[in-house]
Amino acid sequence: MENKNLILVRSFIRNHRYRLLMVGLLFMYSCNLLDEEVLNSRKAFIGSYSIQQKCGNSQDPYTLVITEGSSSSEILLSGIEPFGDEIIATISGNILTISSQSVRLKGQTASAKVSGSGTLTDGSIIEINFEFDFGGTTSCKATGYKL
């Protein structure tokens, strides 16, 4: 009985070796596609944006600059008001996430805790909702277009 099963397995492999090879190659290639997708989604975020931001009662226009972070899923946000330091965000597809972090306030030595999330639509429209805590929580919405 074991010999019969072994013969059937060998026969199957012999008759379908090219199909098995193609499935294996397709599997290996799909892993590379996932890596490329992460890199391509990061590339979509990279650039400068003309931003209109609303925090409480104030509205401030500024330029947001997004650059590559240290990993394939990380980006750095520079110029977000009222911060003087870069904010680290992670991306997954067209979604960015700002995990809670301390960031220095512009023109000060003091820091505030910031967290939030956002989206990139059509590769050119960015929207970021974030909160920062500096003796009280302030909610902000930044919307803009790639320059």
N, C-alpha and C. Protein backbone atom coordinates (compact mmCIF):
# COMPACT_ATOMS: atom_id res chain seq x y z
N MET A 1 0.82 -1.20 0.00
CA MET A 1 0.00 0.00 0.00
C MET A 1 0.86 1.26 0.00
N GLU A 2 1.95 1.26 0.80
CA GLU A 2 2.83 2.42 0.84
C GLU A 2 3.49 2.63 -0.51
N ASN A 3 3.90 1.54 -1.17
CA ASN A 3 4.54 1.66 -2.48
C ASN A 3 3.57 2.25 -3.49
N LYS A 4 2.31 1.86 -3.40
CA LYS A 4 1.32 2.37 -4.33
C LYS A 4 1.13 3.88 -4.14
N ASN A 5 1.07 4.33 -2.87
CA ASN A 5 0.94 5.76 -2.58
C ASN A 5 2.17 6.52 -3.05
N LEU A 6 3.34 5.96 -2.84
CA LEU A 6 4.58 6.59 -3.27
C LEU A 6 4.62 6.71 -4.79
N ILE A 7 4.17 5.67 -5.47
CA ILE A 7 4.12 5.70 -6.93
C ILE A 7 3.15 6.76 -7.41
N LEU A 8 2.00 6.88 -6.74
CA LEU A 8 1.02 7.91 -7.11
C LEU A 8 1.57 9.32 -6.90
N VAL A 9 2.28 9.53 -5.79
CA VAL A 9 2.86 10.84 -5.50
C VAL A 9 3.91 11.19 -6.53
N ARG A 10 4.79 10.24 -6.84
CA ARG A 10 5.83 10.48 -7.85
C ARG A 10 5.21 10.77 -9.22
N SER A 11 4.18 10.03 -9.54
CA SER A 11 3.50 10.23 -10.82
C SER A 11 2.86 11.62 -10.87
N PHE A 12 2.24 12.02 -9.78
CA PHE A 12 1.62 13.34 -9.71
C PHE A 12 2.67 14.44 -9.88
N ILE A 13 3.78 14.31 -9.16
CA ILE A 13 4.85 15.31 -9.26
C ILE A 13 5.40 15.37 -10.67
N ARG A 14 5.65 14.21 -11.26
CA ARG A 14 6.20 14.15 -12.62
C ARG A 14 5.24 14.80 -13.62
N ASN A 15 3.96 14.51 -13.49
CA ASN A 15 2.97 15.03 -14.44
C ASN A 15 2.64 16.51 -14.22
N HIS A 16 2.86 17.00 -13.01
CA HIS A 16 2.47 18.37 -12.67
C HIS A 16 3.64 19.23 -12.21
N ARG A 17 4.86 18.84 -12.51
CA ARG A 17 6.02 19.57 -11.99
C ARG A 17 6.05 21.01 -12.49
N TYR A 18 5.65 21.25 -13.72
CA TYR A 18 5.66 22.62 -14.23
C TYR A 18 4.60 23.48 -13.54
N ARG A 19 3.47 22.89 -13.28
CA ARG A 19 2.42 23.63 -12.55
C ARG A 19 2.88 23.94 -11.13
N LEU A 20 3.51 22.95 -10.49
CA LEU A 20 4.02 23.17 -9.13
C LEU A 20 5.10 24.25 -9.12
N LEU A 21 5.96 24.22 -10.13
CA LEU A 21 7.00 25.23 -10.25
C LEU A 21 6.38 26.61 -10.44
N MET A 22 5.37 26.71 -11.27
CA MET A 22 4.70 28.00 -11.51
C MET A 22 4.03 28.52 -10.24
N VAL A 23 3.39 27.64 -9.48
CA VAL A 23 2.75 28.05 -8.23
C VAL A 23 3.82 28.56 -7.26
N GLY A 24 4.94 27.85 -7.17
CA GLY A 24 6.03 28.27 -6.29
C GLY A 24 6.59 29.63 -6.69
N LEU A 25 6.82 29.82 -7.98
CA LEU A 25 7.34 31.11 -8.47
C LEU A 25 6.33 32.23 -8.23
N LEU A 26 5.06 31.94 -8.47
CA LEU A 26 4.03 32.94 -8.23
C LEU A 26 3.98 33.34 -6.76
N PHE A 27 4.12 32.38 -5.88
CA PHE A 27 4.13 32.65 -4.45
C PHE A 27 5.31 33.55 -4.08
N MET A 28 6.49 33.22 -4.59
CA MET A 28 7.68 34.03 -4.29
C MET A 28 7.54 35.43 -4.88
N TYR A 29 7.00 35.55 -6.07
CA TYR A 29 6.83 36.84 -6.72
C TYR A 29 5.82 37.70 -5.95
N SER A 30 4.76 37.09 -5.42
CA SER A 30 3.75 37.85 -4.70
C SER A 30 4.32 38.48 -3.45
N CYS A 31 5.30 37.84 -2.81
CA CYS A 31 5.94 38.44 -1.64
C CYS A 31 6.66 39.72 -2.03
N ASN A 32 7.32 39.72 -3.19
CA ASN A 32 7.99 40.92 -3.67
C ASN A 32 6.99 42.02 -3.99
N LEU A 33 5.83 41.66 -4.50
CA LEU A 33 4.80 42.65 -4.81
C LEU A 33 4.33 43.36 -3.56
N LEU A 34 4.21 42.61 -2.45
CA LEU A 34 3.78 43.23 -1.20
C LEU A 34 4.81 44.25 -0.73
N ASP A 35 6.11 43.90 -0.84
CA ASP A 35 7.16 44.85 -0.47
C ASP A 35 7.09 46.09 -1.35
N GLU A 36 6.90 45.90 -2.66
CA GLU A 36 6.81 47.03 -3.58
C GLU A 36 5.59 47.89 -3.26
N GLU A 37 4.49 47.26 -2.87
CA GLU A 37 3.27 48.02 -2.55
C GLU A 37 3.52 48.95 -1.38
N VAL A 38 4.23 48.46 -0.34
CA VAL A 38 4.54 49.31 0.81
C VAL A 38 5.42 50.47 0.37
N LEU A 39 6.46 50.18 -0.43
CA LEU A 39 7.35 51.23 -0.90
C LEU A 39 6.62 52.23 -1.78
N ASN A 40 5.74 51.74 -2.66
CA ASN A 40 5.00 52.64 -3.54
C ASN A 40 4.02 53.50 -2.76
N SER A 41 3.40 52.96 -1.70
CA SER A 41 2.48 53.78 -0.92
C SER A 41 3.26 54.86 -0.17
N ARG A 42 4.47 54.54 0.28
CA ARG A 42 5.29 55.57 0.94
C ARG A 42 5.68 56.65 -0.07
N LYS A 43 6.07 56.22 -1.28
CA LYS A 43 6.44 57.19 -2.31
C LYS A 43 5.29 58.13 -2.63
N ALA A 44 4.06 57.63 -2.57
CA ALA A 44 2.89 58.47 -2.86
C ALA A 44 2.77 59.61 -1.85
N PHE A 45 3.15 59.37 -0.59
CA PHE A 45 3.05 60.40 0.45
C PHE A 45 4.16 61.45 0.35
N ILE A 46 5.34 61.05 -0.14
CA ILE A 46 6.51 61.93 -0.15
C ILE A 46 6.25 63.18 -0.98
N GLY A 47 6.59 64.35 -0.41
CA GLY A 47 6.43 65.60 -1.15
C GLY A 47 6.02 66.75 -0.24
N SER A 48 5.70 67.87 -0.86
CA SER A 48 5.26 69.07 -0.14
C SER A 48 3.78 69.30 -0.39
N TYR A 49 3.09 69.79 0.63
CA TYR A 49 1.65 70.01 0.57
C TYR A 49 1.31 71.41 1.05
N SER A 50 0.39 72.06 0.38
CA SER A 50 -0.17 73.33 0.83
C SER A 50 -1.32 72.99 1.77
N ILE A 51 -1.17 73.34 3.04
CA ILE A 51 -2.10 72.90 4.08
C ILE A 51 -2.92 74.06 4.63
N GLN A 52 -4.19 73.80 4.86
CA GLN A 52 -5.07 74.69 5.63
C GLN A 52 -5.43 73.89 6.87
N GLN A 53 -5.09 74.43 8.04
CA GLN A 53 -5.30 73.69 9.29
C GLN A 53 -6.26 74.44 10.19
N LYS A 54 -7.15 73.69 10.82
CA LYS A 54 -8.09 74.27 11.78
C LYS A 54 -7.86 73.61 13.13
N CYS A 55 -7.50 74.43 14.11
CA CYS A 55 -7.32 73.98 15.49
C CYS A 55 -8.17 74.88 16.37
N GLY A 56 -9.23 74.34 16.93
CA GLY A 56 -10.11 75.17 17.73
C GLY A 56 -10.70 76.28 16.86
N ASN A 57 -10.47 77.54 17.25
CA ASN A 57 -11.00 78.68 16.49
C ASN A 57 -10.01 79.25 15.48
N SER A 58 -8.78 78.74 15.48
CA SER A 58 -7.78 79.33 14.58
C SER A 58 -7.61 78.49 13.31
N GLN A 59 -7.31 79.18 12.22
CA GLN A 59 -7.01 78.52 10.96
C GLN A 59 -5.66 79.03 10.49
N ASP A 60 -4.76 78.10 10.22
CA ASP A 60 -3.41 78.48 9.82
C ASP A 60 -3.02 77.78 8.53
N PRO A 61 -2.59 78.54 7.50
CA PRO A 61 -2.04 77.91 6.30
C PRO A 61 -0.53 77.72 6.48
N TYR A 62 0.00 76.65 5.95
CA TYR A 62 1.44 76.40 5.98
C TYR A 62 1.79 75.32 4.96
N THR A 63 3.07 75.08 4.80
CA THR A 63 3.54 74.02 3.91
C THR A 63 4.01 72.84 4.74
N LEU A 64 3.45 71.69 4.47
CA LEU A 64 3.84 70.43 5.11
C LEU A 64 4.80 69.72 4.17
N VAL A 65 5.91 69.23 4.71
CA VAL A 65 6.87 68.47 3.92
C VAL A 65 6.93 67.06 4.50
N ILE A 66 6.74 66.07 3.62
CA ILE A 66 6.80 64.67 4.04
C ILE A 66 8.00 64.02 3.37
N THR A 67 8.85 63.40 4.20
CA THR A 67 10.04 62.70 3.71
C THR A 67 10.02 61.26 4.20
N GLU A 68 10.96 60.46 3.66
CA GLU A 68 11.05 59.05 4.06
C GLU A 68 11.55 58.93 5.49
N GLY A 69 11.01 57.95 6.20
CA GLY A 69 11.48 57.64 7.53
C GLY A 69 12.54 56.55 7.46
N SER A 70 12.83 55.94 8.60
CA SER A 70 13.90 54.95 8.66
C SER A 70 13.48 53.56 8.21
N SER A 71 12.18 53.30 8.10
CA SER A 71 11.72 51.99 7.60
C SER A 71 10.80 52.21 6.40
N SER A 72 10.49 51.14 5.70
CA SER A 72 9.68 51.26 4.47
C SER A 72 8.25 51.70 4.75
N SER A 73 7.81 51.60 6.00
CA SER A 73 6.44 52.01 6.32
C SER A 73 6.40 53.28 7.17
N GLU A 74 7.52 54.01 7.23
CA GLU A 74 7.60 55.20 8.07
C GLU A 74 7.83 56.45 7.23
N ILE A 75 7.13 57.52 7.60
CA ILE A 75 7.34 58.83 6.98
C ILE A 75 7.55 59.87 8.08
N LEU A 76 8.16 60.99 7.71
CA LEU A 76 8.41 62.08 8.64
C LEU A 76 7.64 63.31 8.18
N LEU A 77 6.87 63.91 9.08
CA LEU A 77 6.06 65.09 8.78
C LEU A 77 6.76 66.32 9.37
N SER A 78 7.11 67.27 8.52
CA SER A 78 7.79 68.49 8.98
C SER A 78 6.93 69.71 8.66
N GLY A 79 6.85 70.61 9.63
CA GLY A 79 6.15 71.87 9.39
C GLY A 79 4.75 71.93 9.95
N ILE A 80 4.28 70.84 10.55
CA ILE A 80 2.92 70.87 11.13
C ILE A 80 2.90 71.87 12.28
N GLU A 81 1.97 72.79 12.23
CA GLU A 81 1.81 73.78 13.30
C GLU A 81 1.14 73.12 14.50
N PRO A 82 1.56 73.34 15.69
CA PRO A 82 2.53 74.29 16.21
C PRO A 82 3.87 73.64 16.57
N PHE A 83 4.29 72.60 15.84
CA PHE A 83 5.44 71.81 16.25
C PHE A 83 6.73 72.24 15.56
N GLY A 84 7.82 72.19 16.31
CA GLY A 84 9.13 72.54 15.78
C GLY A 84 9.92 71.33 15.34
N ASP A 85 9.50 70.15 15.74
CA ASP A 85 10.20 68.91 15.38
C ASP A 85 9.39 68.13 14.35
N GLU A 86 10.08 67.17 13.72
CA GLU A 86 9.39 66.25 12.81
C GLU A 86 8.48 65.33 13.62
N ILE A 87 7.39 64.95 13.02
CA ILE A 87 6.47 63.98 13.62
C ILE A 87 6.61 62.69 12.83
N ILE A 88 6.77 61.59 13.53
CA ILE A 88 6.92 60.28 12.89
C ILE A 88 5.54 59.67 12.68
N ALA A 89 5.29 59.17 11.47
CA ALA A 89 4.02 58.49 11.17
C ALA A 89 4.33 57.19 10.44
N THR A 90 3.44 56.23 10.59
CA THR A 90 3.56 54.98 9.83
C THR A 90 2.44 54.96 8.80
N ILE A 91 2.68 54.24 7.72
CA ILE A 91 1.68 54.18 6.66
C ILE A 91 1.33 52.74 6.34
N SER A 92 0.11 52.57 5.91
CA SER A 92 -0.39 51.30 5.40
C SER A 92 -1.35 51.66 4.27
N GLY A 93 -0.91 51.43 3.04
CA GLY A 93 -1.72 51.84 1.90
C GLY A 93 -1.81 53.35 1.86
N ASN A 94 -3.02 53.88 1.88
CA ASN A 94 -3.20 55.34 1.84
C ASN A 94 -3.53 55.93 3.21
N ILE A 95 -3.30 55.15 4.27
CA ILE A 95 -3.61 55.59 5.63
C ILE A 95 -2.32 55.86 6.40
N LEU A 96 -2.27 56.99 7.10
CA LEU A 96 -1.13 57.27 7.97
C LEU A 96 -1.60 57.28 9.41
N THR A 97 -0.72 56.85 10.30
CA THR A 97 -1.02 56.80 11.72
C THR A 97 0.09 57.50 12.49
N ILE A 98 -0.28 58.43 13.34
CA ILE A 98 0.68 59.09 14.22
C ILE A 98 0.48 58.49 15.60
N SER A 99 1.40 57.63 15.99
CA SER A 99 1.34 57.05 17.34
C SER A 99 1.73 58.13 18.34
N SER A 100 1.22 58.01 19.56
CA SER A 100 1.49 59.01 20.59
C SER A 100 3.00 59.22 20.76
N GLN A 101 3.42 60.48 20.68
CA GLN A 101 4.85 60.81 20.81
C GLN A 101 4.97 62.23 21.33
N SER A 102 6.10 62.52 21.97
CA SER A 102 6.38 63.87 22.45
C SER A 102 7.11 64.64 21.37
N VAL A 103 6.61 65.82 21.06
CA VAL A 103 7.20 66.66 20.02
C VAL A 103 7.35 68.07 20.56
N ARG A 104 8.52 68.67 20.32
CA ARG A 104 8.80 70.02 20.79
C ARG A 104 7.91 71.03 20.06
N LEU A 105 7.39 71.98 20.82
CA LEU A 105 6.58 73.06 20.23
C LEU A 105 7.50 74.09 19.59
N LYS A 106 7.06 74.67 18.49
CA LYS A 106 7.86 75.64 17.74
C LYS A 106 8.22 76.83 18.63
N GLY A 107 9.52 77.17 18.64
CA GLY A 107 10.00 78.33 19.40
C GLY A 107 10.07 78.11 20.89
N GLN A 108 9.89 76.87 21.36
CA GLN A 108 9.92 76.59 22.79
C GLN A 108 10.80 75.37 23.06
N THR A 109 11.13 75.20 24.33
CA THR A 109 11.84 73.98 24.71
C THR A 109 10.85 72.93 25.22
N ALA A 110 9.61 73.35 25.46
CA ALA A 110 8.58 72.44 25.97
C ALA A 110 8.07 71.53 24.85
N SER A 111 7.58 70.36 25.27
CA SER A 111 7.03 69.39 24.32
C SER A 111 5.56 69.14 24.61
N ALA A 112 4.88 68.63 23.62
CA ALA A 112 3.47 68.23 23.76
C ALA A 112 3.34 66.81 23.24
N LYS A 113 2.38 66.08 23.77
CA LYS A 113 2.07 64.74 23.25
C LYS A 113 1.14 64.91 22.06
N VAL A 114 1.47 64.22 20.96
CA VAL A 114 0.64 64.31 19.76
C VAL A 114 0.32 62.90 19.27
N SER A 115 -0.88 62.72 18.71
CA SER A 115 -1.28 61.46 18.09
C SER A 115 -2.37 61.79 17.07
N GLY A 116 -2.55 60.89 16.12
CA GLY A 116 -3.59 61.13 15.13
C GLY A 116 -3.55 60.16 13.97
N SER A 117 -4.31 60.48 12.94
CA SER A 117 -4.36 59.62 11.76
C SER A 117 -4.77 60.47 10.56
N GLY A 118 -4.58 59.90 9.38
CA GLY A 118 -4.94 60.63 8.18
C GLY A 118 -5.00 59.75 6.96
N THR A 119 -5.35 60.36 5.84
CA THR A 119 -5.46 59.62 4.58
C THR A 119 -4.88 60.45 3.45
N LEU A 120 -4.45 59.74 2.42
CA LEU A 120 -4.03 60.36 1.17
C LEU A 120 -4.99 59.87 0.10
N THR A 121 -5.66 60.80 -0.57
CA THR A 121 -6.64 60.46 -1.59
C THR A 121 -6.14 60.89 -2.96
N ASP A 122 -6.26 60.00 -3.92
CA ASP A 122 -5.84 60.26 -5.30
C ASP A 122 -4.38 60.69 -5.41
N GLY A 123 -3.57 60.34 -4.42
CA GLY A 123 -2.15 60.66 -4.46
C GLY A 123 -1.82 62.12 -4.29
N SER A 124 -2.83 62.97 -4.03
CA SER A 124 -2.53 64.41 -3.94
C SER A 124 -3.30 65.16 -2.87
N ILE A 125 -4.33 64.57 -2.29
CA ILE A 125 -5.12 65.26 -1.26
C ILE A 125 -4.87 64.56 0.07
N ILE A 126 -4.34 65.32 1.02
CA ILE A 126 -4.03 64.74 2.32
C ILE A 126 -4.94 65.37 3.38
N GLU A 127 -5.36 64.53 4.31
CA GLU A 127 -6.17 64.99 5.44
C GLU A 127 -5.62 64.32 6.69
N ILE A 128 -5.26 65.12 7.68
CA ILE A 128 -4.71 64.60 8.93
C ILE A 128 -5.52 65.16 10.08
N ASN A 129 -6.02 64.28 10.92
CA ASN A 129 -6.70 64.67 12.15
C ASN A 129 -5.78 64.28 13.30
N PHE A 130 -5.47 65.25 14.16
CA PHE A 130 -4.57 64.95 15.27
C PHE A 130 -4.96 65.74 16.51
N GLU A 131 -4.49 65.25 17.63
CA GLU A 131 -4.69 65.92 18.91
C GLU A 131 -3.33 66.11 19.54
N PHE A 132 -3.19 67.22 20.25
CA PHE A 132 -1.99 67.38 21.06
C PHE A 132 -2.38 67.88 22.44
N ASP A 133 -1.59 67.48 23.41
CA ASP A 133 -1.87 67.81 24.80
C ASP A 133 -0.71 68.62 25.35
N PHE A 134 -1.01 69.86 25.69
CA PHE A 134 -0.04 70.76 26.31
C PHE A 134 -0.80 71.55 27.37
N GLY A 135 -1.09 70.87 28.47
CA GLY A 135 -1.89 71.48 29.53
C GLY A 135 -3.36 71.53 29.18
N GLY A 136 -3.78 70.75 28.23
CA GLY A 136 -5.15 70.67 27.74
C GLY A 136 -5.11 70.10 26.33
N THR A 137 -6.13 69.36 25.97
CA THR A 137 -6.14 68.70 24.66
C THR A 137 -6.72 69.62 23.59
N THR A 138 -6.01 69.72 22.48
CA THR A 138 -6.47 70.50 21.33
C THR A 138 -6.60 69.57 20.14
N SER A 139 -7.74 69.60 19.46
CA SER A 139 -7.97 68.79 18.26
C SER A 139 -7.78 69.65 17.03
N CYS A 140 -7.11 69.06 16.02
CA CYS A 140 -6.83 69.80 14.79
C CYS A 140 -7.15 68.95 13.57
N LYS A 141 -7.48 69.65 12.48
CA LYS A 141 -7.69 68.99 11.20
C LYS A 141 -6.88 69.75 10.16
N ALA A 142 -5.96 69.03 9.51
CA ALA A 142 -5.12 69.64 8.47
C ALA A 142 -5.51 69.01 7.13
N THR A 143 -5.85 69.85 6.16
CA THR A 143 -6.24 69.38 4.83
C THR A 143 -5.42 70.13 3.80
N GLY A 144 -4.95 69.41 2.79
CA GLY A 144 -4.16 70.10 1.79
C GLY A 144 -3.95 69.32 0.52
N TYR A 145 -3.24 69.98 -0.40
CA TYR A 145 -2.99 69.44 -1.73
C TYR A 145 -1.49 69.40 -1.99
N LYS A 146 -1.07 68.36 -2.70
CA LYS A 146 0.34 68.22 -3.04
C LYS A 146 0.74 69.33 -4.00
N LEU A 147 1.89 69.92 -3.72
CA LEU A 147 2.41 71.00 -4.57
C LEU A 147 3.16 70.43 -5.76
